[in-house]
């Protein structure tokens, strides 16, 4: 799958950079969107091999954007993986029931990188893992 185009829909600049840089180092091409509407538009225009979609986006949510993608015959076959900071079981169930092809936990980047009691930076300060 290397050399294929992946659309990243993420409004958090730190998470976007981490995901984009990781994918590009692995040989993938990326295109980025900060809103659900922009993600839907780019998916229709660019036909990516995969979409990584944040759930909590400005304006329309990632779930609403997925519904638009699935309703369009041009974009409906594109696999869409949800990326979210939520670890709640009911949120994961709701996300998968919405029709996502997969789920990836993504810790929201914090502005503070203070070590926890263990002396290590907490996982929530590290951003998304791809």
C-alpha atoms as a PDB file:
ATOM      1  CA  UNK A   1       0.000   0.000   0.000  1.00  0.00           C
ATOM      2  CA  UNK A   2       3.022   2.361   0.229  1.00  0.00           C
ATOM      3  CA  UNK A   3       3.005   5.154  -2.349  1.00  0.00           C
ATOM      4  CA  UNK A   4      -0.782   5.368  -2.112  1.00  0.00           C
ATOM      5  CA  UNK A   5      -2.670   8.484  -1.073  1.00  0.00           C
ATOM      6  CA  UNK A   6      -4.112   8.737   2.442  1.00  0.00           C
ATOM      7  CA  UNK A   7      -6.483  11.544   3.432  1.00  0.00           C
ATOM      8  CA  UNK A   8      -6.072  12.711   7.039  1.00  0.00           C
ATOM      9  CA  UNK A   9      -9.017  14.649   8.478  1.00  0.00           C
ATOM     10  CA  UNK A  10      -7.793  16.100  11.776  1.00  0.00           C
ATOM     11  CA  UNK A  11      -8.230  19.558  13.328  1.00  0.00           C
ATOM     12  CA  UNK A  12      -5.486  19.236  15.969  1.00  0.00           C
ATOM     13  CA  UNK A  13      -2.247  20.529  14.349  1.00  0.00           C
ATOM     14  CA  UNK A  14       0.038  18.410  16.543  1.00  0.00           C
ATOM     15  CA  UNK A  15      -1.858  15.191  15.855  1.00  0.00           C
ATOM     16  CA  UNK A  16      -2.084  16.034  12.153  1.00  0.00           C
ATOM     17  CA  UNK A  17       1.664  16.595  11.945  1.00  0.00           C
ATOM     18  CA  UNK A  18       2.475  13.374  13.792  1.00  0.00           C
ATOM     19  CA  UNK A  19       0.184  11.242  11.628  1.00  0.00           C
ATOM     20  CA  UNK A  20       1.290  12.938   8.389  1.00  0.00           C
ATOM     21  CA  UNK A  21       5.002  12.676   9.171  1.00  0.00           C
ATOM     22  CA  UNK A  22       4.693   9.039  10.221  1.00  0.00           C
ATOM     23  CA  UNK A  23       2.836   8.077   7.068  1.00  0.00           C
ATOM     24  CA  UNK A  24       5.183  10.000   4.791  1.00  0.00           C
ATOM     25  CA  UNK A  25       8.252   8.366   6.344  1.00  0.00           C
ATOM     26  CA  UNK A  26       6.589   5.013   5.610  1.00  0.00           C
ATOM     27  CA  UNK A  27       6.280   5.991   1.936  1.00  0.00           C
ATOM     28  CA  UNK A  28       2.654   7.125   1.755  1.00  0.00           C
ATOM     29  CA  UNK A  29       1.439  10.309   0.128  1.00  0.00           C
ATOM     30  CA  UNK A  30      -0.923  12.390   2.230  1.00  0.00           C
ATOM     31  CA  UNK A  31      -3.471  15.111   1.814  1.00  0.00           C
ATOM     32  CA  UNK A  32      -4.903  16.872   4.851  1.00  0.00           C
ATOM     33  CA  UNK A  33      -8.202  18.468   5.837  1.00  0.00           C
ATOM     34  CA  UNK A  34      -9.082  20.293   9.055  1.00  0.00           C
ATOM     35  CA  UNK A  35     -12.880  20.033   8.771  1.00  0.00           C
ATOM     36  CA  UNK A  36     -15.363  17.330   7.849  1.00  0.00           C
ATOM     37  CA  UNK A  37     -16.627  19.330   4.891  1.00  0.00           C
ATOM     38  CA  UNK A  38     -13.130  19.785   3.527  1.00  0.00           C
ATOM     39  CA  UNK A  39     -12.445  16.080   4.041  1.00  0.00           C
ATOM     40  CA  UNK A  40     -15.556  15.092   2.067  1.00  0.00           C
ATOM     41  CA  UNK A  41     -14.604  17.471  -0.743  1.00  0.00           C
ATOM     42  CA  UNK A  42     -11.009  16.210  -0.917  1.00  0.00           C
ATOM     43  CA  UNK A  43     -12.138  12.584  -0.848  1.00  0.00           C
ATOM     44  CA  UNK A  44     -14.371  13.239  -3.841  1.00  0.00           C
ATOM     45  CA  UNK A  45     -11.650  15.143  -5.733  1.00  0.00           C
ATOM     46  CA  UNK A  46      -8.580  13.056  -4.880  1.00  0.00           C
ATOM     47  CA  UNK A  47      -9.933   9.482  -4.424  1.00  0.00           C
ATOM     48  CA  UNK A  48      -7.575   8.434  -1.590  1.00  0.00           C
ATOM     49  CA  UNK A  49      -6.892   4.766  -0.864  1.00  0.00           C
ATOM     50  CA  UNK A  50      -7.728   5.352   2.824  1.00  0.00           C
ATOM     51  CA  UNK A  51      -9.202   8.088   5.027  1.00  0.00           C
ATOM     52  CA  UNK A  52      -8.195   8.644   8.660  1.00  0.00           C
ATOM     53  CA  UNK A  53     -11.042  10.649  10.204  1.00  0.00           C
ATOM     54  CA  UNK A  54     -11.103  12.416  13.559  1.00  0.00           C
ATOM     55  CA  UNK A  55     -14.503  12.192  15.230  1.00  0.00           C
ATOM     56  CA  UNK A  56     -14.628  15.580  16.941  1.00  0.00           C
ATOM     57  CA  UNK A  57     -14.242  18.134  14.170  1.00  0.00           C
ATOM     58  CA  UNK A  58     -15.425  21.724  13.833  1.00  0.00           C
ATOM     59  CA  UNK A  59     -18.760  22.186  12.061  1.00  0.00           C
ATOM     60  CA  UNK A  60     -19.764  18.629  11.096  1.00  0.00           C
ATOM     61  CA  UNK A  61     -18.466  15.657  13.077  1.00  0.00           C
ATOM     62  CA  UNK A  62     -16.452  12.809  11.647  1.00  0.00           C
ATOM     63  CA  UNK A  63     -19.571  10.632  11.877  1.00  0.00           C
ATOM     64  CA  UNK A  64     -21.569  13.137   9.824  1.00  0.00           C
ATOM     65  CA  UNK A  65     -18.737  13.376   7.294  1.00  0.00           C
ATOM     66  CA  UNK A  66     -18.696   9.563   7.059  1.00  0.00           C
ATOM     67  CA  UNK A  67     -22.435   9.555   6.330  1.00  0.00           C
ATOM     68  CA  UNK A  68     -21.843  11.963   3.427  1.00  0.00           C
ATOM     69  CA  UNK A  69     -18.983   9.814   2.124  1.00  0.00           C
ATOM     70  CA  UNK A  70     -21.090   6.643   2.296  1.00  0.00           C
ATOM     71  CA  UNK A  71     -24.021   8.342   0.508  1.00  0.00           C
ATOM     72  CA  UNK A  72     -21.848   9.235  -2.510  1.00  0.00           C
ATOM     73  CA  UNK A  73     -21.130   6.363  -4.938  1.00  0.00           C
ATOM     74  CA  UNK A  74     -17.731   7.906  -5.754  1.00  0.00           C
ATOM     75  CA  UNK A  75     -16.506   7.897  -2.134  1.00  0.00           C
ATOM     76  CA  UNK A  76     -18.532   5.089  -0.547  1.00  0.00           C
ATOM     77  CA  UNK A  77     -15.964   2.342  -1.321  1.00  0.00           C
ATOM     78  CA  UNK A  78     -13.086   4.223   0.375  1.00  0.00           C
ATOM     79  CA  UNK A  79     -12.144   2.646   3.736  1.00  0.00           C
ATOM     80  CA  UNK A  80     -12.464   5.123   6.609  1.00  0.00           C
ATOM     81  CA  UNK A  81     -10.721   4.605   9.949  1.00  0.00           C
ATOM     82  CA  UNK A  82     -11.947   6.641  12.932  1.00  0.00           C
ATOM     83  CA  UNK A  83      -9.281   8.336  15.015  1.00  0.00           C
ATOM     84  CA  UNK A  84     -10.393   9.622  18.395  1.00  0.00           C
ATOM     85  CA  UNK A  85      -9.174  10.356  21.898  1.00  0.00           C
ATOM     86  CA  UNK A  86     -12.158   8.563  23.410  1.00  0.00           C
ATOM     87  CA  UNK A  87     -11.464   5.300  25.197  1.00  0.00           C
ATOM     88  CA  UNK A  88     -15.040   4.781  26.379  1.00  0.00           C
ATOM     89  CA  UNK A  89     -16.486   1.442  25.242  1.00  0.00           C
ATOM     90  CA  UNK A  90     -19.859   2.988  24.374  1.00  0.00           C
ATOM     91  CA  UNK A  91     -18.131   5.627  22.186  1.00  0.00           C
ATOM     92  CA  UNK A  92     -16.195   2.953  20.319  1.00  0.00           C
ATOM     93  CA  UNK A  93     -19.406   0.958  19.827  1.00  0.00           C
ATOM     94  CA  UNK A  94     -21.217   4.077  18.538  1.00  0.00           C
ATOM     95  CA  UNK A  95     -18.347   4.913  16.170  1.00  0.00           C
ATOM     96  CA  UNK A  96     -18.175   1.407  14.720  1.00  0.00           C
ATOM     97  CA  UNK A  97     -21.979   1.234  14.426  1.00  0.00           C
ATOM     98  CA  UNK A  98     -21.815   4.433  12.335  1.00  0.00           C
ATOM     99  CA  UNK A  99     -20.047   2.447   9.621  1.00  0.00           C
ATOM    100  CA  UNK A 100     -16.334   3.116  10.086  1.00  0.00           C
ATOM    101  CA  UNK A 101     -14.020   0.387   8.807  1.00  0.00           C
ATOM    102  CA  UNK A 102     -11.815   0.569  11.876  1.00  0.00           C
ATOM    103  CA  UNK A 103     -10.947   2.502  15.009  1.00  0.00           C
ATOM    104  CA  UNK A 104      -7.649   3.929  16.247  1.00  0.00           C
ATOM    105  CA  UNK A 105      -7.258   5.546  19.628  1.00  0.00           C
ATOM    106  CA  UNK A 106      -5.494   8.869  19.341  1.00  0.00           C
ATOM    107  CA  UNK A 107      -4.475  10.715  22.477  1.00  0.00           C
ATOM    108  CA  UNK A 108      -5.180  14.409  22.196  1.00  0.00           C
ATOM    109  CA  UNK A 109      -1.975  16.385  22.441  1.00  0.00           C
ATOM    110  CA  UNK A 110      -1.788  18.527  25.509  1.00  0.00           C
ATOM    111  CA  UNK A 111       0.021  21.829  25.720  1.00  0.00           C
ATOM    112  CA  UNK A 112       1.902  20.677  28.805  1.00  0.00           C
ATOM    113  CA  UNK A 113       4.547  17.999  28.624  1.00  0.00           C
ATOM    114  CA  UNK A 114       4.978  17.693  32.369  1.00  0.00           C
ATOM    115  CA  UNK A 115       6.092  14.271  33.528  1.00  0.00           C
ATOM    116  CA  UNK A 116       3.690  12.289  35.691  1.00  0.00           C
ATOM    117  CA  UNK A 117       4.535  10.727  39.052  1.00  0.00           C
ATOM    118  CA  UNK A 118       6.600   8.064  37.325  1.00  0.00           C
ATOM    119  CA  UNK A 119       8.845  10.756  35.825  1.00  0.00           C
ATOM    120  CA  UNK A 120       7.675   9.857  32.319  1.00  0.00           C
ATOM    121  CA  UNK A 121       5.556  11.984  30.020  1.00  0.00           C
ATOM    122  CA  UNK A 122       1.989  10.623  30.131  1.00  0.00           C
ATOM    123  CA  UNK A 123       0.613   8.859  27.023  1.00  0.00           C
ATOM    124  CA  UNK A 124      -1.955  11.616  26.513  1.00  0.00           C
ATOM    125  CA  UNK A 125       0.857  14.052  25.722  1.00  0.00           C
ATOM    126  CA  UNK A 126       2.221  11.978  22.863  1.00  0.00           C
ATOM    127  CA  UNK A 127      -0.492  12.332  20.220  1.00  0.00           C
ATOM    128  CA  UNK A 128      -1.732   9.818  17.661  1.00  0.00           C
ATOM    129  CA  UNK A 129      -0.156   6.491  16.938  1.00  0.00           C
ATOM    130  CA  UNK A 130      -0.541   5.175  13.426  1.00  0.00           C
END
